Amino acid sequence: MANTMTENPRARVPSEIGELKRCMSCGECWPADPEFFAPAKACADGLSRRCLACVSERVWAFMPTAGG
């Protein structure tokens, strides 16, 4: 079984600050908790595959601007 993020990008890796999870959008590793990943019932671990920063960035990309 793979034990590093490079061997298995979906793996969770223990660290000094707790278990880390990789965002499937930006590729960054964040603590696997609701502060960094939105709750998602469809996912096995109960957390979204994208970090909240990527989700927010995607939402704002589709918001209309003041100029049209």
N, C-alpha and C. Protein backbone atom coordinates (compact mmCIF):
# COMPACT_ATOMS: atom_id res chain seq x y z
N MET A 1 0.84 -1.19 0.00
CA MET A 1 0.00 0.00 0.00
C MET A 1 0.88 1.25 0.00
N ALA A 2 0.48 2.26 -0.78
CA ALA A 2 1.25 3.50 -0.86
C ALA A 2 1.10 4.29 0.42
N ASN A 3 2.17 4.96 0.81
CA ASN A 3 2.10 5.74 2.04
C ASN A 3 2.50 7.20 1.86
N THR A 4 2.72 7.64 0.63
CA THR A 4 3.04 9.05 0.41
C THR A 4 2.11 9.62 -0.65
N MET A 5 2.01 10.93 -0.67
CA MET A 5 1.15 11.60 -1.63
C MET A 5 1.65 11.41 -3.06
N THR A 6 2.94 11.24 -3.26
CA THR A 6 3.46 11.08 -4.61
C THR A 6 3.13 9.70 -5.16
N GLU A 7 3.07 8.70 -4.31
CA GLU A 7 2.74 7.36 -4.76
C GLU A 7 1.24 7.21 -5.00
N ASN A 8 0.43 7.83 -4.17
CA ASN A 8 -1.02 7.74 -4.28
C ASN A 8 -1.60 9.11 -3.96
N PRO A 9 -1.96 9.89 -4.99
CA PRO A 9 -2.43 11.25 -4.74
C PRO A 9 -3.71 11.34 -3.93
N ARG A 10 -4.48 10.28 -3.84
CA ARG A 10 -5.72 10.30 -3.06
C ARG A 10 -5.49 9.87 -1.61
N ALA A 11 -4.29 9.46 -1.30
CA ALA A 11 -3.99 8.98 0.05
C ALA A 11 -4.04 10.11 1.06
N ARG A 12 -4.35 9.72 2.27
CA ARG A 12 -4.25 10.65 3.39
C ARG A 12 -2.95 10.34 4.09
N VAL A 13 -2.25 11.37 4.46
CA VAL A 13 -0.94 11.19 5.07
C VAL A 13 -0.92 11.81 6.46
N PRO A 14 -0.49 11.06 7.47
CA PRO A 14 -0.38 11.65 8.80
C PRO A 14 0.75 12.68 8.84
N SER A 15 0.56 13.74 9.61
CA SER A 15 1.59 14.76 9.77
C SER A 15 1.54 15.29 11.19
N GLU A 16 2.36 16.29 11.47
CA GLU A 16 2.39 16.88 12.81
C GLU A 16 1.08 17.56 13.16
N ILE A 17 0.38 18.08 12.16
CA ILE A 17 -0.88 18.80 12.41
C ILE A 17 -2.11 17.94 12.21
N GLY A 18 -1.92 16.66 11.97
CA GLY A 18 -3.04 15.74 11.74
C GLY A 18 -2.97 15.15 10.35
N GLU A 19 -4.02 14.49 9.95
CA GLU A 19 -4.06 13.84 8.65
C GLU A 19 -4.24 14.87 7.54
N LEU A 20 -3.47 14.75 6.45
CA LEU A 20 -3.56 15.66 5.31
C LEU A 20 -4.32 15.01 4.17
N LYS A 21 -5.01 15.85 3.40
CA LYS A 21 -5.74 15.40 2.22
C LYS A 21 -5.36 16.31 1.07
N ARG A 22 -5.20 15.76 -0.13
CA ARG A 22 -4.82 16.54 -1.30
C ARG A 22 -6.08 17.02 -2.03
N CYS A 23 -6.09 18.31 -2.38
CA CYS A 23 -7.17 18.89 -3.17
C CYS A 23 -7.01 18.41 -4.61
N MET A 24 -8.08 17.89 -5.21
CA MET A 24 -8.01 17.38 -6.57
C MET A 24 -7.98 18.51 -7.61
N SER A 25 -8.24 19.73 -7.19
CA SER A 25 -8.23 20.85 -8.12
C SER A 25 -6.86 21.53 -8.17
N CYS A 26 -6.36 21.97 -7.02
CA CYS A 26 -5.08 22.70 -7.00
C CYS A 26 -3.88 21.81 -6.68
N GLY A 27 -4.13 20.64 -6.11
CA GLY A 27 -3.05 19.72 -5.79
C GLY A 27 -2.36 19.98 -4.47
N GLU A 28 -2.79 21.01 -3.74
CA GLU A 28 -2.20 21.32 -2.44
C GLU A 28 -2.71 20.35 -1.38
N CYS A 29 -1.90 20.11 -0.36
CA CYS A 29 -2.29 19.25 0.75
C CYS A 29 -2.74 20.11 1.92
N TRP A 30 -3.90 19.79 2.47
CA TRP A 30 -4.49 20.53 3.58
C TRP A 30 -4.94 19.55 4.65
N PRO A 31 -5.11 20.01 5.90
CA PRO A 31 -5.65 19.12 6.93
C PRO A 31 -7.03 18.61 6.52
N ALA A 32 -7.25 17.34 6.73
CA ALA A 32 -8.52 16.71 6.34
C ALA A 32 -9.58 16.98 7.39
N ASP A 33 -10.12 18.19 7.34
CA ASP A 33 -11.20 18.55 8.25
C ASP A 33 -12.10 19.59 7.59
N PRO A 34 -13.29 19.83 8.15
CA PRO A 34 -14.26 20.75 7.54
C PRO A 34 -13.80 22.21 7.46
N GLU A 35 -12.72 22.56 8.12
CA GLU A 35 -12.19 23.92 8.01
C GLU A 35 -11.57 24.15 6.63
N PHE A 36 -11.10 23.09 5.98
CA PHE A 36 -10.43 23.20 4.68
C PHE A 36 -11.20 22.53 3.54
N PHE A 37 -12.05 21.56 3.84
CA PHE A 37 -12.83 20.84 2.83
C PHE A 37 -14.30 20.84 3.23
N ALA A 38 -15.18 21.12 2.28
CA ALA A 38 -16.62 21.15 2.57
C ALA A 38 -17.13 19.73 2.82
N PRO A 39 -18.15 19.60 3.65
CA PRO A 39 -18.76 18.28 3.86
C PRO A 39 -19.38 17.78 2.55
N ALA A 40 -19.25 16.49 2.29
CA ALA A 40 -19.81 15.89 1.08
C ALA A 40 -20.24 14.45 1.40
N LYS A 41 -21.53 14.22 1.44
CA LYS A 41 -22.04 12.89 1.77
C LYS A 41 -21.66 11.84 0.72
N ALA A 42 -21.49 12.27 -0.51
CA ALA A 42 -21.17 11.34 -1.60
C ALA A 42 -19.75 10.81 -1.53
N CYS A 43 -18.86 11.49 -0.84
CA CYS A 43 -17.46 11.06 -0.75
C CYS A 43 -17.29 10.10 0.42
N ALA A 44 -16.41 9.14 0.26
CA ALA A 44 -16.19 8.09 1.26
C ALA A 44 -15.76 8.65 2.62
N ASP A 45 -14.94 9.68 2.61
CA ASP A 45 -14.46 10.25 3.88
C ASP A 45 -15.36 11.36 4.41
N GLY A 46 -16.41 11.70 3.67
CA GLY A 46 -17.35 12.72 4.12
C GLY A 46 -16.92 14.14 3.82
N LEU A 47 -15.79 14.30 3.10
CA LEU A 47 -15.28 15.62 2.75
C LEU A 47 -15.15 15.75 1.23
N SER A 48 -15.37 16.95 0.74
CA SER A 48 -15.28 17.24 -0.69
C SER A 48 -13.89 16.92 -1.24
N ARG A 49 -13.79 16.70 -2.55
CA ARG A 49 -12.50 16.46 -3.18
C ARG A 49 -11.75 17.75 -3.42
N ARG A 50 -12.45 18.89 -3.46
CA ARG A 50 -11.82 20.20 -3.66
C ARG A 50 -11.76 20.96 -2.34
N CYS A 51 -10.68 21.70 -2.12
CA CYS A 51 -10.58 22.51 -0.91
C CYS A 51 -11.53 23.70 -1.02
N LEU A 52 -11.86 24.30 0.10
CA LEU A 52 -12.79 25.42 0.12
C LEU A 52 -12.29 26.61 -0.69
N ALA A 53 -10.97 26.82 -0.72
CA ALA A 53 -10.41 27.93 -1.51
C ALA A 53 -10.68 27.72 -2.99
N CYS A 54 -10.53 26.51 -3.49
CA CYS A 54 -10.80 26.23 -4.91
C CYS A 54 -12.29 26.34 -5.22
N VAL A 55 -13.12 25.87 -4.30
CA VAL A 55 -14.57 25.98 -4.49
C VAL A 55 -14.97 27.45 -4.57
N SER A 56 -14.45 28.25 -3.66
CA SER A 56 -14.75 29.69 -3.64
C SER A 56 -14.26 30.37 -4.91
N GLU A 57 -13.07 30.03 -5.33
CA GLU A 57 -12.49 30.62 -6.54
C GLU A 57 -13.35 30.28 -7.75
N ARG A 58 -13.83 29.07 -7.83
CA ARG A 58 -14.67 28.64 -8.95
C ARG A 58 -16.00 29.38 -8.95
N VAL A 59 -16.60 29.56 -7.79
CA VAL A 59 -17.87 30.28 -7.69
C VAL A 59 -17.68 31.72 -8.14
N TRP A 60 -16.63 32.39 -7.67
CA TRP A 60 -16.40 33.79 -8.04
C TRP A 60 -16.05 33.95 -9.51
N ALA A 61 -15.52 32.93 -10.13
CA ALA A 61 -15.18 33.01 -11.55
C ALA A 61 -16.43 33.16 -12.41
N PHE A 62 -17.57 32.69 -11.92
CA PHE A 62 -18.81 32.76 -12.69
C PHE A 62 -19.73 33.89 -12.26
N MET A 63 -19.32 34.69 -11.28
CA MET A 63 -20.14 35.81 -10.82
C MET A 63 -20.04 36.96 -11.84
N PRO A 64 -21.16 37.59 -12.14
CA PRO A 64 -21.11 38.72 -13.09
C PRO A 64 -20.35 39.91 -12.49
N THR A 65 -19.67 40.64 -13.32
CA THR A 65 -18.93 41.82 -12.88
C THR A 65 -19.83 43.05 -12.97
N ALA A 66 -19.43 44.14 -12.35
CA ALA A 66 -20.23 45.37 -12.34
C ALA A 66 -20.35 45.96 -13.74
N GLY A 67 -19.34 45.80 -14.55
CA GLY A 67 -19.34 46.37 -15.90
C GLY A 67 -20.09 45.54 -16.93
N GLY A 68 -20.49 44.33 -16.54
CA GLY A 68 -21.25 43.50 -17.47
C GLY A 68 -20.57 42.29 -17.76
